[in-house]
Amino acid sequence: MNNIKDHLPELLAPAKDWDTLKVAVAAGADAVYVGGKLFSARQFATNFDRQELTAAADYLHLRGRKLYVTVNTLIKQEEIEGLLDYINFLTQIGTDAVILQDLGALHLIRTYWPNLPVHASTQMTIHDHPGVRFLQNLGVERVILSRELSWPEIKDIHEKNQVELEVFVHGALCVAYSGACLFSSLVGGRSGNRGRCAQPCRLTYTLYHTDEQGKTVAVSEEERHLLSPKDLALITAIPELVDAGVRSLKIEGRMKGPEYVGTVVDTYRRALNRFAAAPNEFQVKTEELKALDTVFNRGLSSGYFLGDLGPELMSPDRPNNRGRFIGRVQTYDEKRKRCLIKLEENLSVGDGVEVWVKVGGRVGTIVEDLTVDGEKVEQAQAGSEARFALPKRVKPGDRVFLTSSS
């Protein structure tokens, strides 16, 4: 690839609050997207008030970074006046772009603020080149494509349009098409399209079918997380993303904290820089994959982009953080409530661990002290047998996962 640095995609990070925004910048994000107190599809995030948005714009611009503000809920009729006031404020503070879902809001912005860049939210479910062309003709500068598209599909869209394309590369996947879902509204009265999704897709369910006699029969007696996808991770697909013409690599996670955002942004930043320096030699490093495994994930998948479909897309056994496998339980001392594990990875005091027990779910703890061969250590090395306190009984052979790093 020639002049790859000229075509290197922007790295776009989420921020739910000030601390996370600063960490994202320090980790190497080119731009940050945030939600305000109004019209944001993440109502349970801390979000930014007007004073904080003003300060965020100044902070980012001083450092040569960009600020995108989500205005990505569906707008109600009675909210239009408030929307106009809010958009006017965002233009005054120098917002680099607004992220929109509502076509009516797009029309208003193009009418009254024709110079304000607009990015079409993934919740518009744009998944083909006519859809992108339609928005391009309406004056949209960038389209955030549906997560359900493959590499060849994105490349074809790029070749048939001039508008910038943004693609999610890391974070949660929705079981519905790009979040176009009424499940939460129907079962809990909380609308995902208004930023209040209750995530019923992450709960356990039993699958039934009708047998030849017309009886409803459970396929399995075991309840599982049948509608819960794994998380997306496309760090290994950076060459394909660049080849497809993607201009912005977006990390999902406006509900995530500084540790998660900092780790993911830093990992992708290092990989992108290495790709820019030697695209034909690019490979993701083992420690980078381990870093992504350590922060919150439900298991990682390349999703639809590389055709990682079927069972490989889903996480039926776990709807929340899985962590990285680091070893198996050897023994458990019931009296002292300490377990001995054979480590396949290093383990340090302050790390979070979770044991997947065969019966009874999960047992988790923060490692407060470690011993190896009877000696206290701050870090136990891979290959050693380490002891630490664990509040509940576990059995030999149970798997141990690292869920947070000190």
Protein backbone atom coordinates (compact mmCIF):
# COMPACT_ATOMS: atom_id res chain seq x y z
CA MET A 1 0.00 0.00 0.00
CA ASN A 2 1.37 3.42 -0.96
CA ASN A 3 1.19 6.52 1.26
CA ILE A 4 -0.55 4.51 3.93
CA LYS A 5 -0.14 7.26 6.52
CA ASP A 6 -2.31 9.53 4.36
CA HIS A 7 -5.10 6.94 4.47
CA LEU A 8 -4.76 5.76 8.06
CA PRO A 9 -8.22 5.78 9.64
CA GLU A 10 -9.13 8.01 12.53
CA LEU A 11 -9.27 6.26 15.90
CA LEU A 12 -12.51 7.30 17.60
CA ALA A 13 -13.03 6.70 21.33
CA PRO A 14 -16.08 6.91 23.62
CA ALA A 15 -16.20 8.97 26.80
CA LYS A 16 -18.94 8.86 29.42
CA ASP A 17 -17.29 11.53 31.60
CA TRP A 18 -14.28 13.82 31.98
CA ASP A 19 -11.92 11.21 33.40
CA THR A 20 -12.60 8.86 30.51
CA LEU A 21 -12.17 11.64 27.93
CA LYS A 22 -8.74 12.55 29.29
CA VAL A 23 -7.66 8.92 29.34
CA ALA A 24 -8.84 8.46 25.73
CA VAL A 25 -6.74 11.42 24.60
CA ALA A 26 -3.68 10.25 26.53
CA ALA A 27 -4.05 6.77 25.02
CA GLY A 28 -3.98 8.14 21.47
CA ALA A 29 -7.54 8.75 20.26
CA ASP A 30 -7.81 11.12 17.28
CA ALA A 31 -11.38 12.03 18.21
CA VAL A 32 -13.80 11.45 21.07
CA TYR A 33 -17.56 11.07 20.95
CA VAL A 34 -19.68 12.01 23.94
CA GLY A 35 -23.30 12.44 24.90
CA GLY A 36 -24.86 15.52 26.43
CA LYS A 37 -27.65 15.55 28.96
CA LEU A 38 -30.18 15.74 26.11
CA PHE A 39 -30.99 13.52 23.11
CA SER A 40 -28.32 10.91 23.92
CA ALA A 41 -28.88 7.20 23.34
CA ARG A 42 -27.01 6.39 26.56
CA GLN A 43 -29.16 7.94 29.27
CA PHE A 44 -27.49 5.82 31.98
CA ALA A 45 -24.02 7.21 31.23
CA THR A 46 -22.84 10.20 33.26
CA ASN A 47 -22.82 12.37 30.10
CA PHE A 48 -21.74 16.01 29.81
CA ASP A 49 -23.64 19.15 30.76
CA ARG A 50 -23.25 22.32 28.68
CA GLN A 51 -20.36 23.67 30.71
CA GLU A 52 -18.54 20.34 30.43
CA LEU A 53 -19.19 20.14 26.67
CA THR A 54 -17.68 23.60 26.24
CA ALA A 55 -14.62 22.60 28.25
CA ALA A 56 -14.34 19.29 26.35
CA ALA A 57 -14.31 21.07 22.99
CA ASP A 58 -11.56 23.42 24.20
CA TYR A 59 -9.56 20.57 25.74
CA LEU A 60 -9.66 18.44 22.60
CA HIS A 61 -9.04 21.25 20.11
CA LEU A 62 -6.04 22.48 22.10
CA ARG A 63 -4.54 19.02 21.59
CA GLY A 64 -5.46 18.70 17.93
CA ARG A 65 -8.30 16.22 18.53
CA LYS A 66 -11.96 16.35 17.53
CA LEU A 67 -15.24 16.31 19.46
CA TYR A 68 -18.33 14.55 18.15
CA VAL A 69 -21.58 14.86 20.12
CA THR A 70 -24.33 12.26 19.93
CA VAL A 71 -27.81 13.58 19.22
CA ASN A 72 -28.93 10.10 18.33
CA THR A 73 -32.34 9.50 19.85
CA LEU A 74 -35.58 9.68 17.91
CA ILE A 75 -36.96 13.19 18.42
CA LYS A 76 -40.51 13.71 19.66
CA GLN A 77 -42.68 16.51 18.28
CA GLU A 78 -42.66 18.42 21.57
CA GLU A 79 -38.84 18.27 21.72
CA ILE A 80 -38.13 20.14 18.49
CA GLU A 81 -37.77 23.58 20.07
CA GLY A 82 -35.36 22.19 22.66
CA LEU A 83 -33.44 20.40 19.92
CA LEU A 84 -32.95 23.64 17.96
CA ASP A 85 -31.63 25.41 21.05
CA TYR A 86 -29.26 22.52 21.79
CA ILE A 87 -27.89 22.33 18.24
CA ASN A 88 -27.32 26.08 18.25
CA PHE A 89 -25.29 25.69 21.44
CA LEU A 90 -23.23 22.85 19.93
CA THR A 91 -22.33 24.99 16.92
CA GLN A 92 -21.24 27.86 19.16
CA ILE A 93 -18.75 25.74 21.12
CA GLY A 94 -17.13 24.41 17.94
CA THR A 95 -18.44 20.84 17.93
CA ASP A 96 -16.72 19.06 15.04
CA ALA A 97 -19.78 16.95 14.17
CA VAL A 98 -23.10 15.76 15.56
CA ILE A 99 -24.17 12.12 15.33
CA LEU A 100 -27.83 11.86 14.29
CA GLN A 101 -30.49 9.17 14.00
CA ASP A 102 -33.58 11.27 13.28
CA LEU A 103 -34.09 12.35 9.64
CA GLY A 104 -36.24 15.29 10.74
CA ALA A 105 -33.36 16.54 12.88
CA LEU A 106 -31.07 16.18 9.86
CA HIS A 107 -33.43 18.34 7.78
CA LEU A 108 -33.51 21.05 10.46
CA ILE A 109 -29.74 21.12 10.82
CA ARG A 110 -29.20 21.33 7.08
CA THR A 111 -31.74 24.17 6.93
CA TYR A 112 -30.45 26.32 9.79
CA TRP A 113 -26.82 25.21 10.25
CA PRO A 114 -25.65 24.09 6.80
CA ASN A 115 -21.98 24.16 7.83
CA LEU A 116 -22.32 21.87 10.85
CA PRO A 117 -20.95 18.43 9.90
CA VAL A 118 -23.41 15.59 10.40
CA HIS A 119 -22.54 11.92 10.93
CA ALA A 120 -25.38 9.47 10.33
CA SER A 121 -25.76 7.17 13.35
CA THR A 122 -25.55 3.42 12.95
CA GLN A 123 -29.14 3.44 14.24
CA MET A 124 -30.20 4.71 10.83
CA THR A 125 -29.39 1.11 9.74
CA ILE A 126 -27.57 2.13 6.57
CA HIS A 127 -26.35 -1.10 5.01
CA ASP A 128 -26.01 -0.56 1.24
CA HIS A 129 -24.64 1.95 -1.25
CA PRO A 130 -28.03 3.46 -2.25
CA GLY A 131 -28.65 4.26 1.42
CA VAL A 132 -25.26 5.92 1.71
CA ARG A 133 -25.84 7.84 -1.54
CA PHE A 134 -29.22 9.04 -0.24
CA LEU A 135 -27.61 10.49 2.89
CA GLN A 136 -24.71 11.88 0.89
CA ASN A 137 -27.21 13.80 -1.23
CA LEU A 138 -28.79 15.17 1.96
CA GLY A 139 -25.45 16.66 2.96
CA VAL A 140 -24.23 14.06 5.44
CA GLU A 141 -20.44 14.09 5.74
CA ARG A 142 -20.03 10.62 7.24
CA VAL A 143 -22.11 7.46 7.56
CA ILE A 144 -21.63 5.10 10.50
CA LEU A 145 -22.40 1.78 8.86
CA SER A 146 -24.39 -1.07 10.33
CA ARG A 147 -22.32 -3.56 12.31
CA GLU A 148 -23.88 -6.35 10.24
CA LEU A 149 -21.83 -5.61 7.10
CA SER A 150 -18.93 -7.67 5.79
CA TRP A 151 -15.56 -6.51 4.46
CA PRO A 152 -16.55 -6.93 0.75
CA GLU A 153 -19.85 -5.11 1.34
CA ILE A 154 -18.15 -2.13 2.99
CA LYS A 155 -15.54 -1.97 0.24
CA ASP A 156 -18.26 -1.97 -2.42
CA ILE A 157 -20.12 0.85 -0.63
CA HIS A 158 -16.90 2.89 -0.45
CA GLU A 159 -16.16 2.46 -4.15
CA LYS A 160 -19.64 3.71 -5.11
CA ASN A 161 -19.77 6.80 -2.86
CA GLN A 162 -17.64 9.76 -1.79
CA VAL A 163 -18.93 10.16 1.76
CA GLU A 164 -16.70 9.08 4.67
CA LEU A 165 -17.43 5.69 6.23
CA GLU A 166 -17.16 4.90 9.94
CA VAL A 167 -17.19 1.35 11.29
CA PHE A 168 -17.43 -0.07 14.81
CA VAL A 169 -14.31 -2.15 15.47
CA HIS A 170 -14.56 -3.02 19.16
CA GLY A 171 -17.23 -3.46 21.82
CA ALA A 172 -20.74 -4.75 22.32
CA LEU A 173 -22.88 -6.22 19.56
CA CYS A 174 -26.67 -6.02 19.58
CA VAL A 175 -28.74 -9.08 18.72
CA ALA A 176 -31.12 -6.79 16.81
CA TYR A 177 -30.15 -5.08 13.56
CA SER A 178 -27.92 -2.18 14.66
CA GLY A 179 -30.01 -1.52 17.73
CA ALA A 180 -33.33 -1.23 15.86
CA CYS A 181 -35.03 -3.09 18.68
CA LEU A 182 -38.31 -2.90 20.62
CA PHE A 183 -37.55 -5.80 22.97
CA SER A 184 -36.69 -3.58 25.95
CA SER A 185 -39.74 -1.39 25.32
CA LEU A 186 -42.09 -4.36 25.18
CA VAL A 187 -40.89 -6.26 28.24
CA GLY A 188 -39.70 -3.42 30.46
CA GLY A 189 -41.12 -0.16 29.19
CA ARG A 190 -37.62 1.22 28.53
CA SER A 191 -36.89 2.23 24.94
CA GLY A 192 -33.50 1.50 23.41
CA ASN A 193 -34.28 4.15 20.81
CA ARG A 194 -34.52 6.71 23.61
CA GLY A 195 -31.31 5.65 25.34
CA ARG A 196 -32.85 3.47 28.07
CA CYS A 197 -32.30 -0.11 26.90
CA ALA A 198 -32.68 -2.68 29.69
CA GLN A 199 -30.78 -5.32 27.66
CA PRO A 200 -33.28 -8.19 28.04
CA CYS A 201 -31.25 -9.95 25.33
CA ARG A 202 -28.59 -10.61 28.00
CA LEU A 203 -30.97 -12.66 30.19
CA THR A 204 -31.36 -16.45 30.23
CA TYR A 205 -33.97 -18.20 28.09
CA THR A 206 -35.15 -21.72 27.32
CA LEU A 207 -35.64 -22.74 23.69
CA TYR A 208 -38.85 -24.65 22.87
CA HIS A 209 -40.14 -26.37 19.75
CA THR A 210 -43.36 -28.12 18.74
CA ASP A 211 -42.97 -31.89 18.33
CA GLU A 212 -44.79 -34.16 15.87
CA GLN A 213 -47.72 -34.54 18.28
CA GLY A 214 -48.13 -30.78 18.55
CA LYS A 215 -46.73 -30.61 22.07
CA THR A 216 -44.44 -27.75 23.12
CA VAL A 217 -41.18 -29.30 24.29
CA ALA A 218 -38.03 -27.69 25.66
CA VAL A 219 -35.00 -28.32 23.46
CA SER A 220 -32.92 -28.26 26.63
CA GLU A 221 -33.87 -28.03 30.29
CA GLU A 222 -30.93 -25.69 30.86
CA GLU A 223 -31.57 -21.95 30.62
CA ARG A 224 -28.86 -20.16 28.63
CA HIS A 225 -28.14 -16.68 27.30
CA LEU A 226 -29.48 -17.57 23.86
CA LEU A 227 -29.78 -14.00 22.57
CA SER A 228 -26.49 -12.60 23.87
CA PRO A 229 -23.76 -12.00 21.26
CA LYS A 230 -20.05 -11.91 21.96
CA ASP A 231 -18.23 -8.59 21.77
CA LEU A 232 -16.67 -7.33 18.56
CA ALA A 233 -12.88 -7.13 18.11
CA LEU A 234 -11.41 -6.21 14.71
CA ILE A 235 -7.85 -5.37 15.69
CA THR A 236 -6.55 -8.23 13.52
CA ALA A 237 -8.55 -6.85 10.55
CA ILE A 238 -6.89 -3.41 10.37
CA PRO A 239 -5.46 -4.14 6.87
CA GLU A 240 -8.90 -5.18 5.61
CA LEU A 241 -10.55 -2.12 7.17
CA VAL A 242 -8.08 0.18 5.43
CA ASP A 243 -8.50 -1.75 2.18
CA ALA A 244 -12.28 -1.25 2.44
CA GLY A 245 -11.82 2.52 2.60
CA VAL A 246 -12.96 3.00 6.19
CA ARG A 247 -12.07 6.48 7.46
CA SER A 248 -12.89 6.07 11.15
CA LEU A 249 -12.47 3.10 13.50
CA LYS A 250 -15.01 3.43 16.28
CA ILE A 251 -14.74 1.89 19.72
CA GLU A 252 -18.10 1.22 21.38
CA GLY A 253 -18.45 1.96 25.08
CA ARG A 254 -20.04 5.17 26.36
CA MET A 255 -20.98 3.22 29.49
CA LYS A 256 -17.41 2.02 30.04
CA GLY A 257 -14.90 3.56 32.44
CA PRO A 258 -11.37 4.93 32.01
CA GLU A 259 -9.60 1.58 32.47
CA TYR A 260 -11.53 -0.06 29.64
CA VAL A 261 -11.32 2.89 27.25
CA GLY A 262 -7.65 3.54 27.98
CA THR A 263 -6.65 -0.08 27.42
CA VAL A 264 -8.62 -0.52 24.20
CA VAL A 265 -7.59 2.83 22.69
CA ASP A 266 -3.93 2.31 23.57
CA THR A 267 -3.96 -1.19 22.09
CA TYR A 268 -5.54 -0.10 18.80
CA ARG A 269 -3.31 2.99 18.63
CA ARG A 270 -0.17 0.88 18.86
CA ALA A 271 -1.47 -1.54 16.25
CA LEU A 272 -2.46 1.28 13.86
CA ASN A 273 0.92 2.98 14.19
CA ARG A 274 2.73 -0.28 13.52
CA PHE A 275 0.55 -0.92 10.48
CA ALA A 276 1.30 2.57 9.16
CA ALA A 277 5.04 1.97 9.52
CA ALA A 278 5.08 -1.43 7.78
CA PRO A 279 1.68 -2.44 6.34
CA ASN A 280 2.97 -5.54 4.57
CA GLU A 281 4.47 -6.91 7.78
CA PHE A 282 1.55 -6.15 10.09
CA GLN A 283 0.64 -8.67 12.76
CA VAL A 284 -1.15 -8.18 16.05
CA LYS A 285 1.08 -8.92 19.02
CA THR A 286 0.16 -11.55 21.58
CA GLU A 287 0.33 -9.01 24.41
CA GLU A 288 -2.17 -6.81 22.56
CA LEU A 289 -4.69 -9.62 22.36
CA LYS A 290 -4.09 -10.36 26.04
CA ALA A 291 -4.71 -6.71 26.93
CA LEU A 292 -8.07 -6.76 25.14
CA ASP A 293 -8.94 -10.02 26.87
CA THR A 294 -8.23 -8.54 30.29
CA VAL A 295 -10.75 -5.69 30.10
CA PHE A 296 -14.51 -6.26 30.00
CA ASN A 297 -15.64 -8.64 27.27
CA ARG A 298 -18.20 -11.39 26.73
CA GLY A 299 -15.80 -13.32 24.56
CA LEU A 300 -14.41 -11.72 21.39
CA SER A 301 -15.47 -12.22 17.79
CA SER A 302 -14.79 -10.67 14.38
CA GLY A 303 -18.56 -10.48 13.99
CA TYR A 304 -20.06 -10.01 10.57
CA PHE A 305 -17.00 -8.25 9.14
CA LEU A 306 -15.07 -11.49 8.55
CA GLY A 307 -18.11 -13.77 8.54
CA ASP A 308 -17.73 -15.03 12.12
CA LEU A 309 -21.38 -16.12 12.24
CA GLY A 310 -23.52 -18.85 13.79
CA PRO A 311 -22.44 -20.19 17.20
CA GLU A 312 -19.16 -18.27 16.97
CA LEU A 313 -21.08 -15.00 17.16
CA MET A 314 -22.93 -15.82 20.38
CA SER A 315 -22.03 -16.01 24.07
CA PRO A 316 -24.70 -18.35 25.49
CA ASP A 317 -22.86 -19.14 28.72
CA ARG A 318 -21.97 -15.64 29.82
CA PRO A 319 -23.72 -12.26 29.34
CA ASN A 320 -21.08 -10.21 31.15
CA ASN A 321 -17.32 -10.01 31.54
CA ARG A 322 -15.49 -13.25 30.88
CA GLY A 323 -11.86 -12.20 31.25
CA ARG A 324 -8.77 -14.18 30.24
CA PHE A 325 -8.12 -17.81 31.17
CA ILE A 326 -5.05 -18.02 33.43
CA GLY A 327 -5.12 -21.50 34.93
CA ARG A 328 -6.98 -24.23 36.81
CA VAL A 329 -7.62 -24.94 40.46
CA GLN A 330 -5.37 -27.64 41.94
CA THR A 331 -6.67 -27.77 45.52
CA TYR A 332 -8.87 -25.80 47.93
CA ASP A 333 -8.18 -25.52 51.67
CA GLU A 334 -11.64 -25.40 53.26
CA LYS A 335 -10.31 -24.41 56.69
CA ARG A 336 -8.10 -21.53 55.54
CA LYS A 337 -10.29 -20.72 52.52
CA ARG A 338 -7.34 -20.58 50.17
CA CYS A 339 -7.02 -22.11 46.74
CA LEU A 340 -3.98 -23.34 44.85
CA ILE A 341 -3.90 -22.77 41.11
CA LYS A 342 -1.48 -23.77 38.39
CA LEU A 343 -0.85 -20.57 36.44
CA GLU A 344 -0.63 -20.30 32.67
CA GLU A 345 -0.31 -16.49 32.92
CA ASN A 346 1.24 -14.13 35.47
CA LEU A 347 -0.97 -13.14 38.43
CA SER A 348 -0.40 -10.08 40.65
CA VAL A 349 -1.67 -8.78 43.96
CA GLY A 350 -4.62 -6.50 43.19
CA ASP A 351 -5.79 -8.46 40.15
CA GLY A 352 -9.42 -9.50 39.87
CA VAL A 353 -10.06 -13.20 39.30
CA GLU A 354 -13.10 -15.38 38.86
CA VAL A 355 -13.37 -19.15 39.14
CA TRP A 356 -15.91 -20.89 36.93
CA VAL A 357 -17.17 -23.69 39.15
CA LYS A 358 -18.86 -26.73 37.65
CA VAL A 359 -21.87 -26.37 39.98
CA GLY A 360 -23.09 -23.09 41.43
CA GLY A 361 -21.93 -20.44 38.98
CA ARG A 362 -18.92 -18.18 39.57
CA VAL A 363 -16.71 -17.29 42.53
CA GLY A 364 -14.82 -14.00 42.27
CA THR A 365 -12.36 -12.02 44.35
CA ILE A 366 -9.61 -9.41 44.29
CA VAL A 367 -6.26 -11.05 45.04
CA GLU A 368 -5.08 -9.47 48.31
CA ASP A 369 -2.05 -11.67 48.90
CA LEU A 370 -0.15 -14.32 46.95
CA THR A 371 2.17 -17.08 48.03
CA VAL A 372 4.39 -19.31 45.92
CA ASP A 373 6.17 -22.20 47.67
CA GLY A 374 5.18 -20.68 51.02
CA GLU A 375 6.75 -17.29 50.23
CA LYS A 376 4.73 -14.09 49.84
CA VAL A 377 5.12 -12.50 46.40
CA GLU A 378 3.70 -9.46 44.61
CA GLN A 379 3.50 -11.38 41.35
CA ALA A 380 3.33 -15.10 40.64
CA GLN A 381 4.86 -16.13 37.33
CA ALA A 382 3.29 -18.28 34.64
CA GLY A 383 4.13 -21.93 35.29
CA SER A 384 4.13 -21.57 39.06
CA GLU A 385 1.56 -22.79 41.58
CA ALA A 386 0.13 -19.87 43.55
CA ARG A 387 -2.15 -19.67 46.59
CA PHE A 388 -4.59 -16.88 47.42
CA ALA A 389 -7.74 -16.39 49.49
CA LEU A 390 -11.07 -17.31 47.93
CA PRO A 391 -14.33 -16.97 49.94
CA LYS A 392 -16.18 -20.01 48.60
CA ARG A 393 -15.28 -23.61 47.93
CA VAL A 394 -14.03 -24.56 44.47
CA LYS A 395 -12.91 -27.90 43.06
CA PRO A 396 -9.80 -29.19 41.30
CA GLY A 397 -10.04 -28.57 37.58
CA ASP A 398 -12.25 -25.46 37.84
CA ARG A 399 -11.12 -22.77 35.42
CA VAL A 400 -9.72 -19.45 36.66
CA PHE A 401 -10.10 -16.21 34.68
CA LEU A 402 -8.37 -12.84 35.09
CA THR A 403 -11.16 -10.22 35.02
CA SER A 404 -9.18 -7.08 35.90
CA SER A 405 -5.54 -6.13 36.12
CA SER A 406 -3.94 -4.20 38.98
